PDB file of N, CA and C in Angstrom:
ATOM      1  N   ARG A   1       7.430  -2.539   6.442  1.00  0.00           N
ATOM      2  CA  ARG A   1       6.285  -2.490   5.569  1.00  0.00           C
ATOM      3  C   ARG A   1       6.684  -3.055   4.210  1.00  0.00           C
ATOM      4  N   GLU A   2       5.744  -3.795   3.585  1.00  0.00           N
ATOM      5  CA  GLU A   2       5.995  -4.364   2.264  1.00  0.00           C
ATOM      6  C   GLU A   2       4.684  -4.504   1.497  1.00  0.00           C
ATOM      7  N   TRP A   3       4.782  -4.725   0.201  1.00  0.00           N
ATOM      8  CA  TRP A   3       3.621  -4.975  -0.650  1.00  0.00           C
ATOM      9  C   TRP A   3       3.652  -6.433  -1.062  1.00  0.00           C
ATOM     10  N   LEU A   4       2.492  -7.073  -0.998  1.00  0.00           N
ATOM     11  CA  LEU A   4       2.341  -8.445  -1.474  1.00  0.00           C
ATOM     12  C   LEU A   4       1.540  -8.400  -2.768  1.00  0.00           C
ATOM     13  N   VAL A   5       2.015  -9.095  -3.780  1.00  0.00           N
ATOM     14  CA  VAL A   5       1.428  -9.007  -5.116  1.00  0.00           C
ATOM     15  C   VAL A   5       0.853 -10.351  -5.533  1.00  0.00           C
ATOM     16  N   CYS A   6      -0.379 -10.318  -6.070  1.00  0.00           N
ATOM     17  CA  CYS A   6      -0.959 -11.514  -6.677  1.00  0.00           C
ATOM     18  C   CYS A   6      -1.258 -11.193  -8.132  1.00  0.00           C
ATOM     19  N   GLY A   7      -1.685 -12.169  -8.889  1.00  0.00           N
ATOM     20  CA  GLY A   7      -1.925 -11.971 -10.313  1.00  0.00           C
ATOM     21  C   GLY A   7      -0.687 -12.334 -11.119  1.00  0.00           C
ATOM     22  N   GLY A   8      -0.859 -12.410 -12.405  1.00  0.00           N
ATOM     23  CA  GLY A   8       0.213 -12.861 -13.286  1.00  0.00           C
ATOM     24  C   GLY A   8       1.459 -12.003 -13.258  1.00  0.00           C
ATOM     25  N   GLY A   9       1.319 -10.719 -12.986  1.00  0.00           N
ATOM     26  CA  GLY A   9       2.470  -9.827 -12.966  1.00  0.00           C
ATOM     27  C   GLY A   9       3.518 -10.197 -11.936  1.00  0.00           C
ATOM     28  N   ARG A  10       3.121 -10.940 -10.928  1.00  0.00           N
ATOM     29  CA  ARG A  10       4.083 -11.318  -9.889  1.00  0.00           C
ATOM     30  C   ARG A  10       5.155 -12.260 -10.424  1.00  0.00           C
ATOM     31  N   HIS A  11       4.914 -12.868 -11.581  1.00  0.00           N
ATOM     32  CA  HIS A  11       5.895 -13.767 -12.201  1.00  0.00           C
ATOM     33  C   HIS A  11       6.887 -13.005 -13.080  1.00  0.00           C
ATOM     34  N   ASN A  12       6.689 -11.707 -13.242  1.00  0.00           N
ATOM     35  CA  ASN A  12       7.532 -10.894 -14.118  1.00  0.00           C
ATOM     36  C   ASN A  12       8.564 -10.149 -13.266  1.00  0.00           C
ATOM     37  N   PRO A  13       9.822 -10.604 -13.281  1.00  0.00           N
ATOM     38  CA  PRO A  13      10.845  -9.967 -12.439  1.00  0.00           C
ATOM     39  C   PRO A  13      11.011  -8.475 -12.704  1.00  0.00           C
ATOM     40  N   ALA A  14      10.914  -8.062 -13.975  1.00  0.00           N
ATOM     41  CA  ALA A  14      11.071  -6.638 -14.293  1.00  0.00           C
ATOM     42  C   ALA A  14       9.937  -5.825 -13.675  1.00  0.00           C
ATOM     43  N   MET A  15       8.719  -6.351 -13.731  1.00  0.00           N
ATOM     44  CA  MET A  15       7.579  -5.635 -13.153  1.00  0.00           C
ATOM     45  C   MET A  15       7.702  -5.555 -11.633  1.00  0.00           C
ATOM     46  N   MET A  16       8.101  -6.642 -11.018  1.00  0.00           N
ATOM     47  CA  MET A  16       8.245  -6.642  -9.557  1.00  0.00           C
ATOM     48  C   MET A  16       9.346  -5.669  -9.127  1.00  0.00           C
ATOM     49  N   ALA A  17      10.445  -5.643  -9.870  1.00  0.00           N
ATOM     50  CA  ALA A  17      11.534  -4.712  -9.541  1.00  0.00           C
ATOM     51  C   ALA A  17      11.070  -3.270  -9.717  1.00  0.00           C
ATOM     52  N   ALA A  18      10.339  -3.002 -10.795  1.00  0.00           N
ATOM     53  CA  ALA A  18       9.839  -1.644 -11.031  1.00  0.00           C
ATOM     54  C   ALA A  18       8.871  -1.225  -9.931  1.00  0.00           C
ATOM     55  N   LEU A  19       7.989  -2.128  -9.526  1.00  0.00           N
ATOM     56  CA  LEU A  19       7.063  -1.812  -8.426  1.00  0.00           C
ATOM     57  C   LEU A  19       7.833  -1.482  -7.158  1.00  0.00           C
ATOM     58  N   GLY A  20       8.845  -2.285  -6.857  1.00  0.00           N
ATOM     59  CA  GLY A  20       9.653  -2.034  -5.670  1.00  0.00           C
ATOM     60  C   GLY A  20      10.318  -0.672  -5.707  1.00  0.00           C
ATOM     61  N   ARG A  21      10.858  -0.302  -6.869  1.00  0.00           N
ATOM     62  CA  ARG A  21      11.495   1.019  -7.005  1.00  0.00           C
ATOM     63  C   ARG A  21      10.468   2.136  -6.841  1.00  0.00           C
ATOM     64  N   LEU A  22       9.327   1.999  -7.513  1.00  0.00           N
ATOM     65  CA  LEU A  22       8.302   3.050  -7.453  1.00  0.00           C
ATOM     66  C   LEU A  22       7.707   3.202  -6.055  1.00  0.00           C
ATOM     67  N   LEU A  23       7.518   2.083  -5.371  1.00  0.00           N
ATOM     68  CA  LEU A  23       6.901   2.123  -4.043  1.00  0.00           C
ATOM     69  C   LEU A  23       7.914   2.405  -2.941  1.00  0.00           C
ATOM     70  N   GLY A  24       9.180   2.176  -3.236  1.00  0.00           N
ATOM     71  CA  GLY A  24      10.217   2.419  -2.240  1.00  0.00           C
ATOM     72  C   GLY A  24      10.139   1.482  -1.050  1.00  0.00           C
ATOM     73  N   THR A  25       9.634   0.291  -1.279  1.00  0.00           N
ATOM     74  CA  THR A  25       9.488  -0.689  -0.207  1.00  0.00           C
ATOM     75  C   THR A  25       9.570  -2.082  -0.820  1.00  0.00           C
ATOM     76  N   PRO A  26       9.887  -3.103  -0.040  1.00  0.00           N
ATOM     77  CA  PRO A  26       9.956  -4.450  -0.610  1.00  0.00           C
ATOM     78  C   PRO A  26       8.626  -4.889  -1.233  1.00  0.00           C
ATOM     79  N   VAL A  27       8.731  -5.611  -2.340  1.00  0.00           N
ATOM     80  CA  VAL A  27       7.576  -6.152  -3.051  1.00  0.00           C
ATOM     81  C   VAL A  27       7.824  -7.648  -3.209  1.00  0.00           C
ATOM     82  N   ARG A  28       6.874  -8.451  -2.735  1.00  0.00           N
ATOM     83  CA  ARG A  28       7.032  -9.905  -2.816  1.00  0.00           C
ATOM     84  C   ARG A  28       5.747 -10.536  -3.340  1.00  0.00           C
ATOM     85  N   PRO A  29       5.865 -11.699  -3.979  1.00  0.00           N
ATOM     86  CA  PRO A  29       4.651 -12.418  -4.372  1.00  0.00           C
ATOM     87  C   PRO A  29       3.952 -12.949  -3.121  1.00  0.00           C
ATOM     88  N   VAL A  30       2.641 -13.073  -3.176  1.00  0.00           N
ATOM     89  CA  VAL A  30       1.886 -13.520  -1.999  1.00  0.00           C
ATOM     90  C   VAL A  30       2.280 -14.921  -1.554  1.00  0.00           C
ATOM     91  N   GLU A  31       2.859 -15.693  -2.454  1.00  0.00           N
ATOM     92  CA  GLU A  31       3.314 -17.038  -2.066  1.00  0.00           C
ATOM     93  C   GLU A  31       4.369 -16.968  -0.967  1.00  0.00           C
ATOM     94  N   ALA A  32       5.055 -15.823  -0.839  1.00  0.00           N
ATOM     95  CA  ALA A  32       6.082 -15.651   0.193  1.00  0.00           C
ATOM     96  C   ALA A  32       5.498 -15.761   1.594  1.00  0.00           C
ATOM     97  N   VAL A  33       4.193 -15.535   1.732  1.00  0.00           N
ATOM     98  CA  VAL A  33       3.547 -15.666   3.044  1.00  0.00           C
ATOM     99  C   VAL A  33       2.577 -16.849   3.066  1.00  0.00           C
ATOM    100  N   GLY A  34       2.689 -17.724   2.059  1.00  0.00           N
ATOM    101  CA  GLY A  34       1.893 -18.945   2.056  1.00  0.00           C
ATOM    102  C   GLY A  34       0.533 -18.856   1.382  1.00  0.00           C
ATOM    103  N   TRP A  35       0.258 -17.760   0.699  1.00  0.00           N
ATOM    104  CA  TRP A  35      -1.031 -17.629   0.009  1.00  0.00           C
ATOM    105  C   TRP A  35      -0.887 -18.087  -1.432  1.00  0.00           C
ATOM    106  N   ASN A  36      -2.020 -18.391  -2.070  1.00  0.00           N
ATOM    107  CA  ASN A  36      -2.041 -18.821  -3.457  1.00  0.00           C
ATOM    108  C   ASN A  36      -2.432 -17.625  -4.329  1.00  0.00           C
ATOM    109  N   GLY A  37      -1.469 -17.071  -5.044  1.00  0.00           N
ATOM    110  CA  GLY A  37      -1.709 -15.874  -5.845  1.00  0.00           C
ATOM    111  C   GLY A  37      -2.709 -16.078  -6.963  1.00  0.00           C
ATOM    112  N   ASP A  38      -2.703 -17.258  -7.579  1.00  0.00           N
ATOM    113  CA  ASP A  38      -3.665 -17.522  -8.652  1.00  0.00           C
ATOM    114  C   ASP A  38      -5.078 -17.611  -8.097  1.00  0.00           C
ATOM    115  N   ALA A  39      -5.239 -18.238  -6.930  1.00  0.00           N
ATOM    116  CA  ALA A  39      -6.568 -18.340  -6.310  1.00  0.00           C
ATOM    117  C   ALA A  39      -7.077 -16.962  -5.900  1.00  0.00           C
ATOM    118  N   LEU A  40      -6.200 -16.125  -5.352  1.00  0.00           N
ATOM    119  CA  LEU A  40      -6.612 -14.771  -4.966  1.00  0.00           C
ATOM    120  C   LEU A  40      -7.053 -13.957  -6.174  1.00  0.00           C
ATOM    121  N   GLU A  41      -6.322 -14.088  -7.276  1.00  0.00           N
ATOM    122  CA  GLU A  41      -6.692 -13.364  -8.490  1.00  0.00           C
ATOM    123  C   GLU A  41      -8.053 -13.838  -8.998  1.00  0.00           C
ATOM    124  N   ALA A  42      -8.275 -15.149  -8.996  1.00  0.00           N
ATOM    125  CA  ALA A  42      -9.561 -15.696  -9.444  1.00  0.00           C
ATOM    126  C   ALA A  42     -10.701 -15.201  -8.559  1.00  0.00           C
ATOM    127  N   GLN A  43     -10.477 -15.163  -7.249  1.00  0.00           N
ATOM    128  CA  GLN A  43     -11.506 -14.677  -6.328  1.00  0.00           C
ATOM    129  C   GLN A  43     -11.802 -13.201  -6.575  1.00  0.00           C
ATOM    130  N   ALA A  44     -10.777 -12.425  -6.853  1.00  0.00           N
ATOM    131  CA  ALA A  44     -10.986 -10.994  -7.117  1.00  0.00           C
ATOM    132  C   ALA A  44     -11.834 -10.800  -8.370  1.00  0.00           C
ATOM    133  N   PHE A  45     -11.528 -11.547  -9.434  1.00  0.00           N
ATOM    134  CA  PHE A  45     -12.319 -11.420 -10.661  1.00  0.00           C
ATOM    135  C   PHE A  45     -13.749 -11.894 -10.444  1.00  0.00           C
ATOM    136  N   ALA A  46     -13.938 -12.944  -9.650  1.00  0.00           N
ATOM    137  CA  ALA A  46     -15.296 -13.415  -9.358  1.00  0.00           C
ATOM    138  C   ALA A  46     -16.068 -12.352  -8.586  1.00  0.00           C
ATOM    139  N   TYR A  47     -15.436 -11.732  -7.617  1.00  0.00           N
ATOM    140  CA  TYR A  47     -16.070 -10.662  -6.835  1.00  0.00           C
ATOM    141  C   TYR A  47     -16.492  -9.508  -7.747  1.00  0.00           C
ATOM    142  N   LEU A  48     -15.586  -9.096  -8.637  1.00  0.00           N
ATOM    143  CA  LEU A  48     -15.903  -8.007  -9.561  1.00  0.00           C
ATOM    144  C   LEU A  48     -17.019  -8.409 -10.523  1.00  0.00           C
ATOM    145  N   ALA A  49     -17.024  -9.659 -10.969  1.00  0.00           N
ATOM    146  CA  ALA A  49     -18.065 -10.133 -11.886  1.00  0.00           C
ATOM    147  C   ALA A  49     -19.435 -10.100 -11.225  1.00  0.00           C
ATOM    148  N   VAL A  50     -19.524 -10.561  -9.989  1.00  0.00           N
ATOM    149  CA  VAL A  50     -20.810 -10.556  -9.284  1.00  0.00           C
ATOM    150  C   VAL A  50     -21.302  -9.128  -9.101  1.00  0.00           C
ATOM    151  N   ARG A  51     -20.421  -8.230  -8.727  1.00  0.00           N
ATOM    152  CA  ARG A  51     -20.839  -6.827  -8.575  1.00  0.00           C
ATOM    153  C   ARG A  51     -21.323  -6.261  -9.907  1.00  0.00           C
ATOM    154  N   SER A  52     -20.664  -6.632 -11.001  1.00  0.00           N
ATOM    155  CA  SER A  52     -21.102  -6.165 -12.320  1.00  0.00           C
ATOM    156  C   SER A  52     -22.482  -6.701 -12.662  1.00  0.00           C
ATOM    157  N   VAL A  53     -22.705  -8.000 -12.437  1.00  0.00           N
ATOM    158  CA  VAL A  53     -24.002  -8.622 -12.736  1.00  0.00           C
ATOM    159  C   VAL A  53     -25.109  -7.955 -11.930  1.00  0.00           C
ATOM    160  N   LEU A  54     -24.817  -7.594 -10.693  1.00  0.00           N
ATOM    161  CA  LEU A  54     -25.817  -6.968  -9.821  1.00  0.00           C
ATOM    162  C   LEU A  54     -25.939  -5.460 -10.051  1.00  0.00           C
ATOM    163  N   GLY A  55     -25.135  -4.918 -10.943  1.00  0.00           N
ATOM    164  CA  GLY A  55     -25.186  -3.483 -11.220  1.00  0.00           C
ATOM    165  C   GLY A  55     -24.614  -2.631 -10.104  1.00  0.00           C
ATOM    166  N   LEU A  56     -23.741  -3.213  -9.301  1.00  0.00           N
ATOM    167  CA  LEU A  56     -23.119  -2.482  -8.196  1.00  0.00           C
ATOM    168  C   LEU A  56     -21.809  -1.856  -8.664  1.00  0.00           C
ATOM    169  N   PRO A  57     -21.446  -0.726  -8.106  1.00  0.00           N
ATOM    170  CA  PRO A  57     -20.207  -0.073  -8.544  1.00  0.00           C
ATOM    171  C   PRO A  57     -18.963  -0.883  -8.183  1.00  0.00           C
ATOM    172  N   LEU A  58     -17.961  -0.756  -9.042  1.00  0.00           N
ATOM    173  CA  LEU A  58     -16.666  -1.388  -8.792  1.00  0.00           C
ATOM    174  C   LEU A  58     -15.663  -0.388  -8.246  1.00  0.00           C
ATOM    175  N   SER A  59     -15.899   0.877  -8.520  1.00  0.00           N
ATOM    176  CA  SER A  59     -15.023   1.914  -7.973  1.00  0.00           C
ATOM    177  C   SER A  59     -15.878   3.058  -7.454  1.00  0.00           C
ATOM    178  N   LEU A  60     -15.387   3.658  -6.408  1.00  0.00           N
ATOM    179  CA  LEU A  60     -16.114   4.725  -5.716  1.00  0.00           C
ATOM    180  C   LEU A  60     -15.220   5.950  -5.582  1.00  0.00           C
ATOM    181  N   PRO A  61     -15.806   7.132  -5.501  1.00  0.00           N
ATOM    182  CA  PRO A  61     -14.988   8.337  -5.314  1.00  0.00           C
ATOM    183  C   PRO A  61     -14.061   8.234  -4.098  1.00  0.00           C
ATOM    184  N   SER A  62     -14.529   7.584  -3.052  1.00  0.00           N
ATOM    185  CA  SER A  62     -13.719   7.501  -1.833  1.00  0.00           C
ATOM    186  C   SER A  62     -12.525   6.558  -1.971  1.00  0.00           C
ATOM    187  N   THR A  63     -12.554   5.656  -2.953  1.00  0.00           N
ATOM    188  CA  THR A  63     -11.444   4.718  -3.108  1.00  0.00           C
ATOM    189  C   THR A  63     -10.563   5.007  -4.307  1.00  0.00           C
ATOM    190  N   THR A  64     -11.134   5.585  -5.366  1.00  0.00           N
ATOM    191  CA  THR A  64     -10.352   5.787  -6.589  1.00  0.00           C
ATOM    192  C   THR A  64     -10.236   7.241  -7.008  1.00  0.00           C
ATOM    193  N   GLY A  65     -11.041   8.103  -6.412  1.00  0.00           N
ATOM    194  CA  GLY A  65     -11.054   9.492  -6.841  1.00  0.00           C
ATOM    195  C   GLY A  65     -11.925   9.728  -8.065  1.00  0.00           C
ATOM    196  N   ALA A  66     -12.623   8.674  -8.523  1.00  0.00           N
ATOM    197  CA  ALA A  66     -13.539   8.838  -9.661  1.00  0.00           C
ATOM    198  C   ALA A  66     -14.615   9.848  -9.281  1.00  0.00           C
ATOM    199  N   PRO A  67     -15.158  10.586 -10.252  1.00  0.00           N
ATOM    200  CA  PRO A  67     -16.155  11.606  -9.927  1.00  0.00           C
ATOM    201  C   PRO A  67     -17.469  11.038  -9.397  1.00  0.00           C
ATOM    202  N   HIS A  68     -17.750   9.773  -9.687  1.00  0.00           N
ATOM    203  CA  HIS A  68     -18.982   9.132  -9.221  1.00  0.00           C
ATOM    204  C   HIS A  68     -18.764   7.622  -9.225  1.00  0.00           C
ATOM    205  N   PRO A  69     -19.620   6.855  -8.523  1.00  0.00           N
ATOM    206  CA  PRO A  69     -19.476   5.399  -8.549  1.00  0.00           C
ATOM    207  C   PRO A  69     -19.569   4.874  -9.988  1.00  0.00           C
ATOM    208  N   VAL A  70     -18.704   3.933 -10.323  1.00  0.00           N
ATOM    209  CA  VAL A  70     -18.653   3.401 -11.683  1.00  0.00           C
ATOM    210  C   VAL A  70     -18.844   1.891 -11.651  1.00  0.00           C
ATOM    211  N   CYS A  71     -19.774   1.407 -12.488  1.00  0.00           N
ATOM    212  CA  CYS A  71     -20.016  -0.033 -12.602  1.00  0.00           C
ATOM    213  C   CYS A  71     -19.042  -0.641 -13.606  1.00  0.00           C
ATOM    214  N   GLY A  72     -18.991  -1.961 -13.593  1.00  0.00           N
ATOM    215  CA  GLY A  72     -18.066  -2.681 -14.469  1.00  0.00           C
ATOM    216  C   GLY A  72     -18.575  -2.816 -15.888  1.00  0.00           C
ATOM    217  N   GLY A  73     -18.020  -3.784 -16.590  1.00  0.00           N
ATOM    218  CA  GLY A  73     -18.322  -4.004 -17.997  1.00  0.00           C
ATOM    219  C   GLY A  73     -19.736  -4.475 -18.250  1.00  0.00           C
ATOM    220  N   ARG A  74     -19.915  -5.100 -19.384  1.00  0.00           N
ATOM    221  CA  ARG A  74     -21.232  -5.557 -19.799  1.00  0.00           C
ATOM    222  C   ARG A  74     -21.193  -7.050 -20.069  1.00  0.00           C
ATOM    223  N   LEU A  75     -22.355  -7.674 -19.941  1.00  0.00           N
ATOM    224  CA  LEU A  75     -22.511  -9.079 -20.304  1.00  0.00           C
ATOM    225  C   LEU A  75     -23.315  -9.154 -21.587  1.00  0.00           C
ATOM    226  N   PHE A  76     -22.900 -10.022 -22.476  1.00  0.00           N
ATOM    227  CA  PHE A  76     -23.602 -10.201 -23.742  1.00  0.00           C
ATOM    228  C   PHE A  76     -23.947 -11.669 -23.908  1.00  0.00           C
ATOM    229  N   GLU A  77     -25.104 -11.926 -24.512  1.00  0.00           N
ATOM    230  CA  GLU A  77     -25.454 -13.307 -24.815  1.00  0.00           C
ATOM    231  C   GLU A  77     -24.559 -13.805 -25.926  1.00  0.00           C
ATOM    232  N   ARG A  78     -24.221 -15.069 -25.818  1.00  0.00           N
ATOM    233  CA  ARG A  78     -23.413 -15.692 -26.856  1.00  0.00           C
ATOM    234  C   ARG A  78     -24.264 -15.842 -28.114  1.00  0.00           C
ATOM    235  N   PRO A  79     -23.736 -15.458 -29.268  1.00  0.00           N
ATOM    236  CA  PRO A  79     -24.530 -15.596 -30.496  1.00  0.00           C
ATOM    237  C   PRO A  79     -24.819 -17.063 -30.793  1.00  0.00           C
ATOM    238  N   SER A  80     -25.985 -17.319 -31.370  1.00  0.00           N
ATOM    239  CA  SER A  80     -26.362 -18.703 -31.697  1.00  0.00           C
ATOM    240  C   SER A  80     -25.560 -19.217 -32.862  1.00  0.00           C
TER     241      SER A  80
END
């Protein structure tokens, strides 16, 4: 068993080593299995953005332990 990491933190050796110690299992960047970590991170943010725009929750009690479903941030119009 191992953890595959995407996002900018995967480029930080200290963070990857700390994750490996905390998880007690190998931690590798997703590129180790042929995936594009930057593309995966971009897709994740796009998914979260669409859910926010639609007013859908980003976290649920069943996945995060939050007391209720929680929506994401806010969108603001750019000032003229």
